[in-house]
Every structure is written in C-alpha cells, then in structure tokens.
C-alpha cells in the first residue's frame, strides 16, 4: 500500500466512529493490531486517488467487518508524535459481517462500549 502525505509531512489517514444506533450512545471499537491490549477506532491510511470518506469506509470494512451509513465529518485530529493526521466520520452501523479482511491479523476483536462509560472513567 502506498501512503499519502500532506505537504507538512503528516500522513493522511481516515476512519469512522461507528455508532450502534442513531442514539449515538455506543461506539464500536477494535483491538489494536500492534497492541492487542489496546482498543481503537477503525482507521488507516488514505491511498492515492482516494477521497477521505472512501478511505474511512474501506478501513471500517477491512478492520471491523461492518458497513453502514456514512454521516458527518466529526473532525480532523493530529497525532504529532507519529506525524499522522486523521479525518474521522460518523458511521451508523447497518451490517456486521461474521468474517472480514483483517479478522485474522493479530488478536482482532470488536466490541461496543457506552460513551457514558468512557467519559465517566476519563473525566
């Protein structure tokens, strides 16, 4: 896979915050391939000639085995240490696959978590 970059050297990435339903109270997380004890939002590199929203949808299918309705852009987030800039979209999950592309890479697990539980433990 060829990675793409912004002029300032940050790598272009895209992903989705995958909501279980339209209440947006639960999100889907996947275990990190590099750190199986960590949870993350499905995201990855934007390929050449690929739009950010296309990359976000592709990454969700590959990493989490879900499809859905792509919604608003939530924001653009910089990870300065690793020079990554990720554009995140909201996605309402409509379909979950039993098998998907990256399911056998590492210890890939998916789970839903309450946003209230996340905020209660972080603030």
PDB file of N, CA and C in Angstrom:
ATOM      1  N   UNK A   1       0.834  -1.173   0.000  1.00  0.00           N
ATOM      2  CA  UNK A   1       0.000   0.000   0.000  1.00  0.00           C
ATOM      3  C   UNK A   1       0.887   1.248   0.000  1.00  0.00           C
ATOM      4  N   UNK A   2       0.566   2.174  -0.879  1.00  0.00           N
ATOM      5  CA  UNK A   2       1.278   3.445  -0.948  1.00  0.00           C
ATOM      6  C   UNK A   2       0.589   4.433  -0.008  1.00  0.00           C
ATOM      7  N   UNK A   3       1.360   5.052   0.853  1.00  0.00           N
ATOM      8  CA  UNK A   3       0.804   6.021   1.800  1.00  0.00           C
ATOM      9  C   UNK A   3       0.853   7.414   1.188  1.00  0.00           C
ATOM     10  N   UNK A   4      -0.085   8.255   1.587  1.00  0.00           N
ATOM     11  CA  UNK A   4      -0.123   9.623   1.081  1.00  0.00           C
ATOM     12  C   UNK A   4       0.134  10.590   2.231  1.00  0.00           C
ATOM     13  N   UNK A   5       0.667  11.767   1.874  1.00  0.00           N
ATOM     14  CA  UNK A   5       1.093  12.730   2.884  1.00  0.00           C
ATOM     15  C   UNK A   5       0.632  14.141   2.543  1.00  0.00           C
ATOM     16  N   UNK A   6       0.435  14.932   3.585  1.00  0.00           N
ATOM     17  CA  UNK A   6       0.194  16.365   3.431  1.00  0.00           C
ATOM     18  C   UNK A   6       1.533  17.041   3.145  1.00  0.00           C
ATOM     19  N   UNK A   7       1.510  18.262   2.600  1.00  0.00           N
ATOM     20  CA  UNK A   7       2.770  18.974   2.347  1.00  0.00           C
ATOM     21  C   UNK A   7       3.636  19.160   3.601  1.00  0.00           C
ATOM     22  N   UNK A   8       3.023  19.199   4.790  1.00  0.00           N
ATOM     23  CA  UNK A   8       3.808  19.370   6.020  1.00  0.00           C
ATOM     24  C   UNK A   8       4.373  18.057   6.564  1.00  0.00           C
ATOM     25  N   UNK A   9       4.208  16.960   5.806  1.00  0.00           N
ATOM     26  CA  UNK A   9       4.797  15.682   6.187  1.00  0.00           C
ATOM     27  C   UNK A   9       3.908  14.764   6.998  1.00  0.00           C
ATOM     28  N   UNK A  10       2.733  15.224   7.404  1.00  0.00           N
ATOM     29  CA  UNK A  10       1.810  14.363   8.139  1.00  0.00           C
ATOM     30  C   UNK A  10       1.175  13.355   7.184  1.00  0.00           C
ATOM     31  N   UNK A  11       1.054  12.112   7.657  1.00  0.00           N
ATOM     32  CA  UNK A  11       0.427  11.066   6.848  1.00  0.00           C
ATOM     33  C   UNK A  11      -1.083  11.257   6.849  1.00  0.00           C
ATOM     34  N   UNK A  12      -1.702  11.090   5.684  1.00  0.00           N
ATOM     35  CA  UNK A  12      -3.154  11.205   5.543  1.00  0.00           C
ATOM     36  C   UNK A  12      -3.811   9.907   5.994  1.00  0.00           C
ATOM     37  N   UNK A  13      -4.751  10.046   6.939  1.00  0.00           N
ATOM     38  CA  UNK A  13      -5.470   8.890   7.462  1.00  0.00           C
ATOM     39  C   UNK A  13      -6.946   9.233   7.567  1.00  0.00           C
ATOM     40  N   UNK A  14      -7.775   8.201   7.592  1.00  0.00           N
ATOM     41  CA  UNK A  14      -9.222   8.396   7.733  1.00  0.00           C
ATOM     42  C   UNK A  14      -9.809   7.218   8.492  1.00  0.00           C
ATOM     43  N   UNK A  15     -10.916   7.475   9.164  1.00  0.00           N
ATOM     44  CA  UNK A  15     -11.585   6.420   9.912  1.00  0.00           C
ATOM     45  C   UNK A  15     -12.983   6.842  10.301  1.00  0.00           C
ATOM     46  N   UNK A  16     -13.643   5.960  11.032  1.00  0.00           N
ATOM     47  CA  UNK A  16     -15.023   6.223  11.443  1.00  0.00           C
ATOM     48  C   UNK A  16     -15.232   5.908  12.914  1.00  0.00           C
ATOM     49  N   UNK A  17     -16.021   6.757  13.544  1.00  0.00           N
ATOM     50  CA  UNK A  17     -16.587   6.441  14.845  1.00  0.00           C
ATOM     51  C   UNK A  17     -17.895   5.740  14.507  1.00  0.00           C
ATOM     52  N   UNK A  18     -17.935   4.429  14.745  1.00  0.00           N
ATOM     53  CA  UNK A  18     -19.069   3.593  14.326  1.00  0.00           C
ATOM     54  C   UNK A  18     -20.086   3.495  15.459  1.00  0.00           C
ATOM     55  N   UNK A  19     -21.261   4.062  15.222  1.00  0.00           N
ATOM     56  CA  UNK A  19     -22.321   4.058  16.225  1.00  0.00           C
ATOM     57  C   UNK A  19     -23.242   2.869  16.025  1.00  0.00           C
ATOM     58  N   UNK A  20     -23.638   2.245  17.127  1.00  0.00           N
ATOM     59  CA  UNK A  20     -24.536   1.085  17.085  1.00  0.00           C
ATOM     60  C   UNK A  20     -25.912   1.473  16.553  1.00  0.00           C
ATOM     61  N   UNK A  21     -26.400   2.647  16.971  1.00  0.00           N
ATOM     62  CA  UNK A  21     -27.712   3.114  16.504  1.00  0.00           C
ATOM     63  C   UNK A  21     -27.710   4.640  16.503  1.00  0.00           C
ATOM     64  N   UNK A  22     -28.836   5.225  16.113  1.00  0.00           N
ATOM     65  CA  UNK A  22     -28.858   6.677  15.948  1.00  0.00           C
ATOM     66  C   UNK A  22     -28.916   7.465  17.259  1.00  0.00           C
ATOM     67  N   UNK A  23     -28.926   6.777  18.400  1.00  0.00           N
ATOM     68  CA  UNK A  23     -28.821   7.499  19.674  1.00  0.00           C
ATOM     69  C   UNK A  23     -27.384   7.963  19.913  1.00  0.00           C
ATOM     70  N   UNK A  24     -26.445   7.334  19.214  1.00  0.00           N
ATOM     71  CA  UNK A  24     -25.011   7.643  19.319  1.00  0.00           C
ATOM     72  C   UNK A  24     -24.489   7.494  20.751  1.00  0.00           C
ATOM     73  N   UNK A  25     -25.034   6.528  21.465  1.00  0.00           N
ATOM     74  CA  UNK A  25     -24.593   6.280  22.845  1.00  0.00           C
ATOM     75  C   UNK A  25     -23.547   5.179  22.941  1.00  0.00           C
ATOM     76  N   UNK A  26     -23.466   4.314  21.920  1.00  0.00           N
ATOM     77  CA  UNK A  26     -22.485   3.232  21.926  1.00  0.00           C
ATOM     78  C   UNK A  26     -21.680   3.280  20.642  1.00  0.00           C
ATOM     79  N   UNK A  27     -20.363   3.064  20.787  1.00  0.00           N
ATOM     80  CA  UNK A  27     -19.498   3.024  19.616  1.00  0.00           C
ATOM     81  C   UNK A  27     -18.813   1.664  19.523  1.00  0.00           C
ATOM     82  N   UNK A  28     -18.381   1.339  18.318  1.00  0.00           N
ATOM     83  CA  UNK A  28     -17.655   0.107  18.057  1.00  0.00           C
ATOM     84  C   UNK A  28     -16.166   0.390  18.183  1.00  0.00           C
ATOM     85  N   UNK A  29     -15.463  -0.448  18.905  1.00  0.00           N
ATOM     86  CA  UNK A  29     -14.012  -0.370  19.000  1.00  0.00           C
ATOM     87  C   UNK A  29     -13.428  -1.689  18.526  1.00  0.00           C
ATOM     88  N   UNK A  30     -12.198  -1.643  18.020  1.00  0.00           N
ATOM     89  CA  UNK A  30     -11.489  -2.863  17.626  1.00  0.00           C
ATOM     90  C   UNK A  30     -10.181  -2.916  18.403  1.00  0.00           C
ATOM     91  N   UNK A  31      -9.718  -4.132  18.649  1.00  0.00           N
ATOM     92  CA  UNK A  31      -8.420  -4.254  19.311  1.00  0.00           C
ATOM     93  C   UNK A  31      -7.342  -3.822  18.324  1.00  0.00           C
ATOM     94  N   UNK A  32      -6.328  -3.195  18.837  1.00  0.00           N
ATOM     95  CA  UNK A  32      -5.228  -2.719  18.010  1.00  0.00           C
ATOM     96  C   UNK A  32      -4.400  -3.908  17.530  1.00  0.00           C
ATOM     97  N   UNK A  33      -4.030  -3.901  16.261  1.00  0.00           N
ATOM     98  CA  UNK A  33      -3.199  -4.977  15.712  1.00  0.00           C
ATOM     99  C   UNK A  33      -1.805  -4.925  16.343  1.00  0.00           C
ATOM    100  N   UNK A  34      -1.270  -3.723  16.525  1.00  0.00           N
ATOM    101  CA  UNK A  34       0.078  -3.577  17.085  1.00  0.00           C
ATOM    102  C   UNK A  34       0.101  -3.743  18.601  1.00  0.00           C
ATOM    103  N   UNK A  35      -0.997  -3.414  19.257  1.00  0.00           N
ATOM    104  CA  UNK A  35      -1.093  -3.525  20.721  1.00  0.00           C
ATOM    105  C   UNK A  35      -2.413  -4.188  21.078  1.00  0.00           C
ATOM    106  N   UNK A  36      -2.473  -5.529  21.066  1.00  0.00           N
ATOM    107  CA  UNK A  36      -3.740  -6.241  21.278  1.00  0.00           C
ATOM    108  C   UNK A  36      -4.464  -5.915  22.584  1.00  0.00           C
ATOM    109  N   UNK A  37      -3.782  -5.338  23.560  1.00  0.00           N
ATOM    110  CA  UNK A  37      -4.440  -4.960  24.811  1.00  0.00           C
ATOM    111  C   UNK A  37      -5.027  -3.553  24.764  1.00  0.00           C
ATOM    112  N   UNK A  38      -4.933  -2.909  23.604  1.00  0.00           N
ATOM    113  CA  UNK A  38      -5.460  -1.555  23.436  1.00  0.00           C
ATOM    114  C   UNK A  38      -6.653  -1.573  22.492  1.00  0.00           C
ATOM    115  N   UNK A  39      -7.575  -0.640  22.701  1.00  0.00           N
ATOM    116  CA  UNK A  39      -8.752  -0.504  21.852  1.00  0.00           C
ATOM    117  C   UNK A  39      -8.623   0.755  21.015  1.00  0.00           C
ATOM    118  N   UNK A  40      -9.154   0.707  19.799  1.00  0.00           N
ATOM    119  CA  UNK A  40      -9.028   1.837  18.893  1.00  0.00           C
ATOM    120  C   UNK A  40     -10.259   1.959  17.994  1.00  0.00           C
ATOM    121  N   UNK A  41     -10.358   3.089  17.359  1.00  0.00           N
ATOM    122  CA  UNK A  41     -11.389   3.331  16.350  1.00  0.00           C
ATOM    123  C   UNK A  41     -10.823   2.851  15.022  1.00  0.00           C
ATOM    124  N   UNK A  42     -11.606   2.153  14.196  1.00  0.00           N
ATOM    125  CA  UNK A  42     -11.081   1.693  12.909  1.00  0.00           C
ATOM    126  C   UNK A  42     -10.658   2.871  12.025  1.00  0.00           C
ATOM    127  N   UNK A  43      -9.393   2.851  11.616  1.00  0.00           N
ATOM    128  CA  UNK A  43      -8.858   3.915  10.762  1.00  0.00           C
ATOM    129  C   UNK A  43      -7.590   3.423  10.095  1.00  0.00           C
ATOM    130  N   UNK A  44      -7.162   4.148   9.067  1.00  0.00           N
ATOM    131  CA  UNK A  44      -5.950   3.767   8.369  1.00  0.00           C
ATOM    132  C   UNK A  44      -5.582   4.784   7.308  1.00  0.00           C
ATOM    133  N   UNK A  45      -4.588   4.435   6.512  1.00  0.00           N
ATOM    134  CA  UNK A  45      -4.045   5.348   5.514  1.00  0.00           C
ATOM    135  C   UNK A  45      -4.994   5.594   4.349  1.00  0.00           C
ATOM    136  N   UNK A  46      -4.921   6.814   3.836  1.00  0.00           N
ATOM    137  CA  UNK A  46      -5.639   7.180   2.616  1.00  0.00           C
ATOM    138  C   UNK A  46      -4.736   6.813   1.443  1.00  0.00           C
ATOM    139  N   UNK A  47      -5.265   6.063   0.490  1.00  0.00           N
ATOM    140  CA  UNK A  47      -4.487   5.645  -0.670  1.00  0.00           C
ATOM    141  C   UNK A  47      -4.507   6.721  -1.753  1.00  0.00           C
ATOM    142  N   UNK A  48      -3.522   6.690  -2.670  1.00  0.00           N
ATOM    143  CA  UNK A  48      -3.514   7.677  -3.755  1.00  0.00           C
ATOM    144  C   UNK A  48      -4.834   7.651  -4.538  1.00  0.00           C
ATOM    145  N   UNK A  49      -5.301   8.812  -4.922  1.00  0.00           N
ATOM    146  CA  UNK A  49      -6.536   8.993  -5.700  1.00  0.00           C
ATOM    147  C   UNK A  49      -7.791   8.558  -4.949  1.00  0.00           C
ATOM    148  N   UNK A  50      -7.696   8.400  -3.642  1.00  0.00           N
ATOM    149  CA  UNK A  50      -8.832   8.008  -2.821  1.00  0.00           C
ATOM    150  C   UNK A  50      -9.276   9.219  -2.001  1.00  0.00           C
ATOM    151  N   UNK A  51     -10.568   9.448  -1.941  1.00  0.00           N
ATOM    152  CA  UNK A  51     -11.112  10.524  -1.115  1.00  0.00           C
ATOM    153  C   UNK A  51     -11.114  10.067   0.351  1.00  0.00           C
ATOM    154  N   UNK A  52     -11.095  11.015   1.264  1.00  0.00           N
ATOM    155  CA  UNK A  52     -11.054  10.678   2.688  1.00  0.00           C
ATOM    156  C   UNK A  52     -12.253   9.831   3.108  1.00  0.00           C
ATOM    157  N   UNK A  53     -13.443  10.195   2.656  1.00  0.00           N
ATOM    158  CA  UNK A  53     -14.633   9.431   3.055  1.00  0.00           C
ATOM    159  C   UNK A  53     -14.591   8.006   2.505  1.00  0.00           C
ATOM    160  N   UNK A  54     -14.005   7.823   1.309  1.00  0.00           N
ATOM    161  CA  UNK A  54     -13.868   6.477   0.740  1.00  0.00           C
ATOM    162  C   UNK A  54     -12.899   5.641   1.576  1.00  0.00           C
ATOM    163  N   UNK A  55     -11.790   6.245   1.971  1.00  0.00           N
ATOM    164  CA  UNK A  55     -10.805   5.540   2.798  1.00  0.00           C
ATOM    165  C   UNK A  55     -11.408   5.153   4.146  1.00  0.00           C
ATOM    166  N   UNK A  56     -12.192   6.049   4.727  1.00  0.00           N
ATOM    167  CA  UNK A  56     -12.816   5.776   6.026  1.00  0.00           C
ATOM    168  C   UNK A  56     -13.728   4.558   5.944  1.00  0.00           C
ATOM    169  N   UNK A  57     -14.566   4.510   4.918  1.00  0.00           N
ATOM    170  CA  UNK A  57     -15.490   3.379   4.744  1.00  0.00           C
ATOM    171  C   UNK A  57     -14.713   2.094   4.479  1.00  0.00           C
ATOM    172  N   UNK A  58     -13.680   2.155   3.648  1.00  0.00           N
ATOM    173  CA  UNK A  58     -12.866   0.971   3.337  1.00  0.00           C
ATOM    174  C   UNK A  58     -12.204   0.429   4.603  1.00  0.00           C
ATOM    175  N   UNK A  59     -11.633   1.312   5.400  1.00  0.00           N
ATOM    176  CA  UNK A  59     -10.954   0.884   6.623  1.00  0.00           C
ATOM    177  C   UNK A  59     -11.909   0.219   7.610  1.00  0.00           C
ATOM    178  N   UNK A  60     -13.119   0.728   7.719  1.00  0.00           N
ATOM    179  CA  UNK A  60     -14.108   0.142   8.630  1.00  0.00           C
ATOM    180  C   UNK A  60     -14.473  -1.271   8.190  1.00  0.00           C
ATOM    181  N   UNK A  61     -14.645  -1.467   6.889  1.00  0.00           N
ATOM    182  CA  UNK A  61     -14.958  -2.804   6.375  1.00  0.00           C
ATOM    183  C   UNK A  61     -13.778  -3.742   6.631  1.00  0.00           C
ATOM    184  N   UNK A  62     -12.551  -3.284   6.316  1.00  0.00           N
ATOM    185  CA  UNK A  62     -11.369  -4.129   6.475  1.00  0.00           C
ATOM    186  C   UNK A  62     -11.061  -4.456   7.937  1.00  0.00           C
ATOM    187  N   UNK A  63     -11.097  -3.453   8.796  1.00  0.00           N
ATOM    188  CA  UNK A  63     -10.654  -3.645  10.179  1.00  0.00           C
ATOM    189  C   UNK A  63     -11.738  -4.134  11.130  1.00  0.00           C
ATOM    190  N   UNK A  64     -12.985  -3.744  10.878  1.00  0.00           N
ATOM    191  CA  UNK A  64     -14.048  -4.069  11.831  1.00  0.00           C
ATOM    192  C   UNK A  64     -15.132  -4.963  11.257  1.00  0.00           C
ATOM    193  N   UNK A  65     -15.149  -5.152   9.949  1.00  0.00           N
ATOM    194  CA  UNK A  65     -16.160  -6.019   9.356  1.00  0.00           C
ATOM    195  C   UNK A  65     -17.571  -5.489   9.489  1.00  0.00           C
ATOM    196  N   UNK A  66     -17.713  -4.178   9.342  1.00  0.00           N
ATOM    197  CA  UNK A  66     -19.050  -3.585   9.386  1.00  0.00           C
ATOM    198  C   UNK A  66     -19.248  -2.640   8.203  1.00  0.00           C
ATOM    199  N   UNK A  67     -20.499  -2.456   7.850  1.00  0.00           N
ATOM    200  CA  UNK A  67     -20.894  -1.459   6.854  1.00  0.00           C
ATOM    201  C   UNK A  67     -21.968  -0.599   7.483  1.00  0.00           C
ATOM    202  N   UNK A  68     -22.157   0.573   6.907  1.00  0.00           N
ATOM    203  CA  UNK A  68     -23.184   1.442   7.445  1.00  0.00           C
ATOM    204  C   UNK A  68     -23.391   2.677   6.611  1.00  0.00           C
ATOM    205  N   UNK A  69     -24.110   3.603   7.188  1.00  0.00           N
ATOM    206  CA  UNK A  69     -24.418   4.872   6.534  1.00  0.00           C
ATOM    207  C   UNK A  69     -23.418   5.911   7.036  1.00  0.00           C
ATOM    208  N   UNK A  70     -22.635   6.444   6.099  1.00  0.00           N
ATOM    209  CA  UNK A  70     -21.634   7.446   6.455  1.00  0.00           C
ATOM    210  C   UNK A  70     -22.326   8.771   6.740  1.00  0.00           C
ATOM    211  N   UNK A  71     -21.963   9.379   7.851  1.00  0.00           N
ATOM    212  CA  UNK A  71     -22.555  10.648   8.251  1.00  0.00           C
ATOM    213  C   UNK A  71     -21.555  11.780   8.204  1.00  0.00           C
ATOM    214  N   UNK A  72     -21.699  12.686   9.123  1.00  0.00           N
ATOM    215  CA  UNK A  72     -20.917  13.920   9.160  1.00  0.00           C
ATOM    216  C   UNK A  72     -19.439  13.659   9.460  1.00  0.00           C
ATOM    217  N   UNK A  73     -18.627  14.619   9.062  1.00  0.00           N
ATOM    218  CA  UNK A  73     -17.223  14.617   9.463  1.00  0.00           C
ATOM    219  C   UNK A  73     -17.179  15.109  10.905  1.00  0.00           C
ATOM    220  N   UNK A  74     -16.608  14.308  11.780  1.00  0.00           N
ATOM    221  CA  UNK A  74     -16.514  14.666  13.200  1.00  0.00           C
ATOM    222  C   UNK A  74     -15.387  15.660  13.430  1.00  0.00           C
ATOM    223  N   UNK A  75     -14.290  15.468  12.700  1.00  0.00           N
ATOM    224  CA  UNK A  75     -13.167  16.381  12.850  1.00  0.00           C
ATOM    225  C   UNK A  75     -11.881  15.798  12.298  1.00  0.00           C
ATOM    226  N   UNK A  76     -10.842  16.603  12.340  1.00  0.00           N
ATOM    227  CA  UNK A  76      -9.515  16.205  11.883  1.00  0.00           C
ATOM    228  C   UNK A  76      -8.590  16.294  13.094  1.00  0.00           C
ATOM    229  N   UNK A  77      -7.870  15.202  13.351  1.00  0.00           N
ATOM    230  CA  UNK A  77      -7.070  15.089  14.566  1.00  0.00           C
ATOM    231  C   UNK A  77      -5.619  14.770  14.225  1.00  0.00           C
ATOM    232  N   UNK A  78      -4.701  15.520  14.820  1.00  0.00           N
ATOM    233  CA  UNK A  78      -3.272  15.304  14.609  1.00  0.00           C
ATOM    234  C   UNK A  78      -2.683  14.477  15.739  1.00  0.00           C
ATOM    235  N   UNK A  79      -1.856  13.509  15.346  1.00  0.00           N
ATOM    236  CA  UNK A  79      -1.046  12.746  16.291  1.00  0.00           C
ATOM    237  C   UNK A  79       0.384  13.183  15.997  1.00  0.00           C
ATOM    238  N   UNK A  80       0.813  14.235  16.677  1.00  0.00           N
ATOM    239  CA  UNK A  80       2.058  14.914  16.355  1.00  0.00           C
ATOM    240  C   UNK A  80       3.276  14.007  16.466  1.00  0.00           C
ATOM    241  N   UNK A  81       3.338  13.172  17.505  1.00  0.00           N
ATOM    242  CA  UNK A  81       4.494  12.289  17.704  1.00  0.00           C
ATOM    243  C   UNK A  81       4.766  11.409  16.493  1.00  0.00           C
ATOM    244  N   UNK A  82       3.707  10.883  15.891  1.00  0.00           N
ATOM    245  CA  UNK A  82       3.873   9.968  14.757  1.00  0.00           C
ATOM    246  C   UNK A  82       3.591  10.637  13.418  1.00  0.00           C
ATOM    247  N   UNK A  83       3.347  11.957  13.438  1.00  0.00           N
ATOM    248  CA  UNK A  83       3.074  12.728  12.219  1.00  0.00           C
ATOM    249  C   UNK A  83       1.932  12.111  11.409  1.00  0.00           C
ATOM    250  N   UNK A  84       0.816  11.897  12.088  1.00  0.00           N
ATOM    251  CA  UNK A  84      -0.393  11.375  11.447  1.00  0.00           C
ATOM    252  C   UNK A  84      -1.515  12.389  11.616  1.00  0.00           C
ATOM    253  N   UNK A  85      -2.284  12.578  10.568  1.00  0.00           N
ATOM    254  CA  UNK A  85      -3.465  13.453  10.625  1.00  0.00           C
ATOM    255  C   UNK A  85      -4.654  12.632  10.152  1.00  0.00           C
ATOM    256  N   UNK A  86      -5.609  12.405  11.052  1.00  0.00           N
ATOM    257  CA  UNK A  86      -6.737  11.514  10.785  1.00  0.00           C
ATOM    258  C   UNK A  86      -8.040  12.293  10.713  1.00  0.00           C
ATOM    259  N   UNK A  87      -8.770  12.094   9.620  1.00  0.00           N
ATOM    260  CA  UNK A  87     -10.104  12.660   9.453  1.00  0.00           C
ATOM    261  C   UNK A  87     -11.105  11.593   9.871  1.00  0.00           C
ATOM    262  N   UNK A  88     -11.947  11.919  10.862  1.00  0.00           N
ATOM    263  CA  UNK A  88     -12.923  10.951  11.372  1.00  0.00           C
ATOM    264  C   UNK A  88     -14.343  11.343  10.988  1.00  0.00           C
ATOM    265  N   UNK A  89     -15.102  10.338  10.582  1.00  0.00           N
ATOM    266  CA  UNK A  89     -16.506  10.496  10.212  1.00  0.00           C
ATOM    267  C   UNK A  89     -17.375   9.688  11.164  1.00  0.00           C
ATOM    268  N   UNK A  90     -18.625  10.079  11.277  1.00  0.00           N
ATOM    269  CA  UNK A  90     -19.621   9.273  11.987  1.00  0.00           C
ATOM    270  C   UNK A  90     -20.151   8.233  11.012  1.00  0.00           C
ATOM    271  N   UNK A  91     -20.389   7.019  11.497  1.00  0.00           N
ATOM    272  CA  UNK A  91     -20.964   5.961  10.673  1.00  0.00           C
ATOM    273  C   UNK A  91     -21.999   5.218  11.507  1.00  0.00           C
ATOM    274  N   UNK A  92     -23.199   5.121  10.987  1.00  0.00           N
ATOM    275  CA  UNK A  92     -24.269   4.365  11.637  1.00  0.00           C
ATOM    276  C   UNK A  92     -24.209   2.937  11.105  1.00  0.00           C
ATOM    277  N   UNK A  93     -23.877   1.979  11.956  1.00  0.00           N
ATOM    278  CA  UNK A  93     -23.708   0.584  11.537  1.00  0.00           C
ATOM    279  C   UNK A  93     -25.055  -0.016  11.135  1.00  0.00           C
ATOM    280  N   UNK A  94     -25.070  -0.614   9.938  1.00  0.00           N
ATOM    281  CA  UNK A  94     -26.281  -1.286   9.448  1.00  0.00           C
ATOM    282  C   UNK A  94     -26.054  -2.769   9.183  1.00  0.00           C
ATOM    283  N   UNK A  95     -24.785  -3.174   9.102  1.00  0.00           N
ATOM    284  CA  UNK A  95     -24.472  -4.569   8.771  1.00  0.00           C
ATOM    285  C   UNK A  95     -23.161  -4.972   9.437  1.00  0.00           C
ATOM    286  N   UNK A  96     -23.146  -6.156  10.067  1.00  0.00           N
ATOM    287  CA  UNK A  96     -21.934  -6.697  10.682  1.00  0.00           C
ATOM    288  C   UNK A  96     -21.638  -8.058  10.060  1.00  0.00           C
ATOM    289  N   UNK A  97     -20.400  -8.245   9.622  1.00  0.00           N
ATOM    290  CA  UNK A  97     -20.002  -9.492   8.982  1.00  0.00           C
ATOM    291  C   UNK A  97     -19.444 -10.478  10.000  1.00  0.00           C
ATOM    292  N   UNK A  98     -19.633 -11.762   9.745  1.00  0.00           N
ATOM    293  CA  UNK A  98     -19.031 -12.796  10.585  1.00  0.00           C
ATOM    294  C   UNK A  98     -17.546 -12.943  10.278  1.00  0.00           C
ATOM    295  N   UNK A  99     -17.169 -12.624   9.040  1.00  0.00           N
ATOM    296  CA  UNK A  99     -15.770 -12.692   8.613  1.00  0.00           C
ATOM    297  C   UNK A  99     -15.434 -11.415   7.859  1.00  0.00           C
ATOM    298  N   UNK A 100     -14.187 -10.930   8.012  1.00  0.00           N
ATOM    299  CA  UNK A 100     -13.759  -9.728   7.312  1.00  0.00           C
ATOM    300  C   UNK A 100     -12.260  -9.794   7.090  1.00  0.00           C
ATOM    301  N   UNK A 101     -11.739  -8.893   6.266  1.00  0.00           N
ATOM    302  CA  UNK A 101     -10.360  -8.944   5.787  1.00  0.00           C
ATOM    303  C   UNK A 101      -9.316  -9.098   6.892  1.00  0.00           C
ATOM    304  N   UNK A 102      -9.323  -8.229   7.877  1.00  0.00           N
ATOM    305  CA  UNK A 102      -8.260  -8.216   8.887  1.00  0.00           C
ATOM    306  C   UNK A 102      -8.571  -9.014  10.143  1.00  0.00           C
ATOM    307  N   UNK A 103      -9.612  -9.835  10.116  1.00  0.00           N
ATOM    308  CA  UNK A 103     -10.011 -10.522  11.343  1.00  0.00           C
ATOM    309  C   UNK A 103      -8.951 -11.487  11.867  1.00  0.00           C
ATOM    310  N   UNK A 104      -8.075 -11.970  11.013  1.00  0.00           N
ATOM    311  CA  UNK A 104      -7.062 -12.930  11.443  1.00  0.00           C
ATOM    312  C   UNK A 104      -5.707 -12.289  11.727  1.00  0.00           C
ATOM    313  N   UNK A 105      -5.588 -10.976  11.554  1.00  0.00           N
ATOM    314  CA  UNK A 105      -4.325 -10.286  11.831  1.00  0.00           C
ATOM    315  C   UNK A 105      -4.250  -9.976  13.314  1.00  0.00           C
ATOM    316  N   UNK A 106      -3.370 -10.626  13.998  1.00  0.00           N
ATOM    317  CA  UNK A 106      -3.241 -10.382  15.431  1.00  0.00           C
ATOM    318  C   UNK A 106      -4.457 -10.907  16.171  1.00  0.00           C
ATOM    319  N   UNK A 107      -4.836 -10.214  17.209  1.00  0.00           N
ATOM    320  CA  UNK A 107      -5.965 -10.647  18.041  1.00  0.00           C
ATOM    321  C   UNK A 107      -7.133  -9.689  17.857  1.00  0.00           C
ATOM    322  N   UNK A 108      -7.580  -9.525  16.631  1.00  0.00           N
ATOM    323  CA  UNK A 108      -8.628  -8.553  16.333  1.00  0.00           C
ATOM    324  C   UNK A 108      -9.951  -8.963  16.962  1.00  0.00           C
ATOM    325  N   UNK A 109     -10.458  -8.099  17.799  1.00  0.00           N
ATOM    326  CA  UNK A 109     -11.742  -8.309  18.471  1.00  0.00           C
ATOM    327  C   UNK A 109     -12.536  -7.025  18.307  1.00  0.00           C
ATOM    328  N   UNK A 110     -13.854  -7.140  18.189  1.00  0.00           N
ATOM    329  CA  UNK A 110     -14.673  -5.937  18.183  1.00  0.00           C
ATOM    330  C   UNK A 110     -15.602  -5.960  19.379  1.00  0.00           C
ATOM    331  N   UNK A 111     -15.899  -4.776  19.852  1.00  0.00           N
ATOM    332  CA  UNK A 111     -16.814  -4.648  20.979  1.00  0.00           C
ATOM    333  C   UNK A 111     -17.534  -3.318  20.885  1.00  0.00           C
ATOM    334  N   UNK A 112     -18.668  -3.232  21.532  1.00  0.00           N
ATOM    335  CA  UNK A 112     -19.368  -1.954  21.654  1.00  0.00           C
ATOM    336  C   UNK A 112     -19.164  -1.455  23.070  1.00  0.00           C
ATOM    337  N   UNK A 113     -19.022  -0.158  23.192  1.00  0.00           N
ATOM    338  CA  UNK A 113     -18.820   0.424  24.510  1.00  0.00           C
ATOM    339  C   UNK A 113     -19.690   1.672  24.639  1.00  0.00           C
ATOM    340  N   UNK A 114     -20.193   1.879  25.820  1.00  0.00           N
ATOM    341  CA  UNK A 114     -21.019   3.049  26.102  1.00  0.00           C
ATOM    342  C   UNK A 114     -20.149   4.293  26.180  1.00  0.00           C
ATOM    343  N   UNK A 115     -20.544   5.342  25.481  1.00  0.00           N
ATOM    344  CA  UNK A 115     -19.805   6.596  25.576  1.00  0.00           C
ATOM    345  C   UNK A 115     -19.859   7.155  26.991  1.00  0.00           C
ATOM    346  N   UNK A 116     -20.960   6.939  27.680  1.00  0.00           N
ATOM    347  CA  UNK A 116     -21.061   7.403  29.068  1.00  0.00           C
ATOM    348  C   UNK A 116     -20.018   6.724  29.947  1.00  0.00           C
ATOM    349  N   UNK A 117     -19.765   5.444  29.709  1.00  0.00           N
ATOM    350  CA  UNK A 117     -18.751   4.720  30.481  1.00  0.00           C
ATOM    351  C   UNK A 117     -17.359   5.275  30.205  1.00  0.00           C
ATOM    352  N   UNK A 118     -17.095   5.617  28.951  1.00  0.00           N
ATOM    353  CA  UNK A 118     -15.787   6.193  28.603  1.00  0.00           C
ATOM    354  C   UNK A 118     -15.606   7.524  29.320  1.00  0.00           C
ATOM    355  N   UNK A 119     -16.597   8.394  29.214  1.00  0.00           N
ATOM    356  CA  UNK A 119     -16.480   9.713  29.834  1.00  0.00           C
ATOM    357  C   UNK A 119     -16.420   9.621  31.355  1.00  0.00           C
ATOM    358  N   UNK A 120     -17.109   8.670  31.935  1.00  0.00           N
ATOM    359  CA  UNK A 120     -17.113   8.520  33.393  1.00  0.00           C
ATOM    360  C   UNK A 120     -15.737   8.123  33.917  1.00  0.00           C
ATOM    361  N   UNK A 121     -14.953   7.403  33.114  1.00  0.00           N
ATOM    362  CA  UNK A 121     -13.640   6.951  33.572  1.00  0.00           C
ATOM    363  C   UNK A 121     -12.515   7.888  33.164  1.00  0.00           C
ATOM    364  N   UNK A 122     -12.777   8.842  32.264  1.00  0.00           N
ATOM    365  CA  UNK A 122     -11.699   9.711  31.799  1.00  0.00           C
ATOM    366  C   UNK A 122     -11.777  11.128  32.332  1.00  0.00           C
ATOM    367  N   UNK A 123     -12.912  11.524  32.867  1.00  0.00           N
ATOM    368  CA  UNK A 123     -13.047  12.909  33.358  1.00  0.00           C
ATOM    369  C   UNK A 123     -13.383  12.941  34.828  1.00  0.00           C
TER     370      UNK A 123
END
